[in-house]
Amino acid sequence: MKTIKLQIADSVFEKVFYFLNNLPKDEVRIVENSEVEDWSFLEKEIQKGLDSGILAKTHEDIIKNLKQKYA
């Protein structure tokens, strides 16, 4: 098997995923790169919280605390 990396716009992600998911399972295996996506999503959510002005911690403090807790 060969491995490829795709960067897909949100607008077509569902269509591409549907297509790949319907190919024969013994010929295509979908491997999600969740590490990158998880941190990216988390950073965006933290930034939304910081922009709201409710929390006094900095972005760096939050990430540092999360890494200490879960790493």
C-alpha atoms as a PDB file:
ATOM      1  CA  MET A   1       0.000   0.000   0.000  1.00  0.00           C
ATOM      2  CA  LYS A   2       1.032   3.593  -0.564  1.00  0.00           C
ATOM      3  CA  THR A   3       0.350   6.473   1.813  1.00  0.00           C
ATOM      4  CA  ILE A   4      -0.690   9.950   0.694  1.00  0.00           C
ATOM      5  CA  LYS A   5      -1.391  13.146   2.582  1.00  0.00           C
ATOM      6  CA  LEU A   6      -4.308  15.303   1.454  1.00  0.00           C
ATOM      7  CA  GLN A   7      -5.204  18.851   2.338  1.00  0.00           C
ATOM      8  CA  ILE A   8      -8.897  19.147   1.605  1.00  0.00           C
ATOM      9  CA  ALA A   9     -11.129  22.200   1.855  1.00  0.00           C
ATOM     10  CA  ASP A  10     -13.937  21.890   4.375  1.00  0.00           C
ATOM     11  CA  SER A  11     -16.437  22.395   1.560  1.00  0.00           C
ATOM     12  CA  VAL A  12     -15.493  19.083  -0.128  1.00  0.00           C
ATOM     13  CA  PHE A  13     -14.212  17.049   2.830  1.00  0.00           C
ATOM     14  CA  GLU A  14     -17.442  15.077   3.311  1.00  0.00           C
ATOM     15  CA  LYS A  15     -17.600  14.164  -0.394  1.00  0.00           C
ATOM     16  CA  VAL A  16     -13.976  13.006  -0.511  1.00  0.00           C
ATOM     17  CA  PHE A  17     -14.326  11.063   2.737  1.00  0.00           C
ATOM     18  CA  TYR A  18     -17.537   9.415   1.491  1.00  0.00           C
ATOM     19  CA  PHE A  19     -15.814   8.381  -1.736  1.00  0.00           C
ATOM     20  CA  LEU A  20     -12.747   6.963   0.031  1.00  0.00           C
ATOM     21  CA  ASN A  21     -14.871   5.231   2.636  1.00  0.00           C
ATOM     22  CA  ASN A  22     -16.836   3.407  -0.086  1.00  0.00           C
ATOM     23  CA  LEU A  23     -13.793   1.915  -1.801  1.00  0.00           C
ATOM     24  CA  PRO A  24     -13.000  -1.748  -1.006  1.00  0.00           C
ATOM     25  CA  LYS A  25     -11.810  -2.024   2.608  1.00  0.00           C
ATOM     26  CA  ASP A  26      -9.007  -4.422   1.662  1.00  0.00           C
ATOM     27  CA  GLU A  27      -7.655  -1.871  -0.843  1.00  0.00           C
ATOM     28  CA  VAL A  28      -8.033   1.413   1.068  1.00  0.00           C
ATOM     29  CA  ARG A  29      -7.399   2.117   4.723  1.00  0.00           C
ATOM     30  CA  ILE A  30      -8.176   5.612   6.019  1.00  0.00           C
ATOM     31  CA  VAL A  31      -5.692   6.739   8.654  1.00  0.00           C
ATOM     32  CA  GLU A  32      -6.653  10.017  10.288  1.00  0.00           C
ATOM     33  CA  ASN A  33      -3.899  12.364  11.414  1.00  0.00           C
ATOM     34  CA  SER A  34      -5.724  13.246  14.612  1.00  0.00           C
ATOM     35  CA  GLU A  35      -2.703  14.599  16.501  1.00  0.00           C
ATOM     36  CA  VAL A  36      -2.417  17.640  14.263  1.00  0.00           C
ATOM     37  CA  GLU A  37      -6.163  18.177  14.015  1.00  0.00           C
ATOM     38  CA  ASP A  38      -6.758  17.804  17.750  1.00  0.00           C
ATOM     39  CA  TRP A  39      -4.191  20.456  18.701  1.00  0.00           C
ATOM     40  CA  SER A  40      -5.313  22.756  15.914  1.00  0.00           C
ATOM     41  CA  PHE A  41      -8.943  22.495  17.014  1.00  0.00           C
ATOM     42  CA  LEU A  42      -7.995  22.925  20.660  1.00  0.00           C
ATOM     43  CA  GLU A  43      -5.954  26.043  19.947  1.00  0.00           C
ATOM     44  CA  LYS A  44      -8.853  27.588  17.998  1.00  0.00           C
ATOM     45  CA  GLU A  45     -11.272  26.863  20.850  1.00  0.00           C
ATOM     46  CA  ILE A  46      -8.866  28.322  23.414  1.00  0.00           C
ATOM     47  CA  GLN A  47      -8.480  31.442  21.282  1.00  0.00           C
ATOM     48  CA  LYS A  48     -12.279  31.849  21.145  1.00  0.00           C
ATOM     49  CA  GLY A  49     -12.368  31.688  24.943  1.00  0.00           C
ATOM     50  CA  LEU A  50      -9.549  34.203  25.285  1.00  0.00           C
ATOM     51  CA  ASP A  51     -11.239  36.572  22.854  1.00  0.00           C
ATOM     52  CA  SER A  52     -14.400  36.432  24.975  1.00  0.00           C
ATOM     53  CA  GLY A  53     -12.522  38.122  27.835  1.00  0.00           C
ATOM     54  CA  ILE A  54     -13.896  35.762  30.496  1.00  0.00           C
ATOM     55  CA  LEU A  55     -10.600  34.018  31.347  1.00  0.00           C
ATOM     56  CA  ALA A  56      -7.535  35.888  32.623  1.00  0.00           C
ATOM     57  CA  LYS A  57      -4.983  33.186  31.611  1.00  0.00           C
ATOM     58  CA  THR A  58      -2.864  33.525  28.476  1.00  0.00           C
ATOM     59  CA  HIS A  59      -2.965  31.066  25.591  1.00  0.00           C
ATOM     60  CA  GLU A  60       0.514  29.851  26.553  1.00  0.00           C
ATOM     61  CA  ASP A  61      -0.541  29.252  30.182  1.00  0.00           C
ATOM     62  CA  ILE A  62      -3.514  27.165  29.093  1.00  0.00           C
ATOM     63  CA  ILE A  63      -1.457  25.024  26.683  1.00  0.00           C
ATOM     64  CA  LYS A  64       1.278  24.579  29.311  1.00  0.00           C
ATOM     65  CA  ASN A  65      -1.282  23.418  31.892  1.00  0.00           C
ATOM     66  CA  LEU A  66      -2.878  20.994  29.419  1.00  0.00           C
ATOM     67  CA  LYS A  67       0.479  19.521  28.426  1.00  0.00           C
ATOM     68  CA  GLN A  68       1.438  19.047  32.080  1.00  0.00           C
ATOM     69  CA  LYS A  69      -1.874  17.376  32.818  1.00  0.00           C
ATOM     70  CA  TYR A  70      -2.170  15.098  29.765  1.00  0.00           C
ATOM     71  CA  ALA A  71       1.337  14.641  28.340  1.00  0.00           C
END
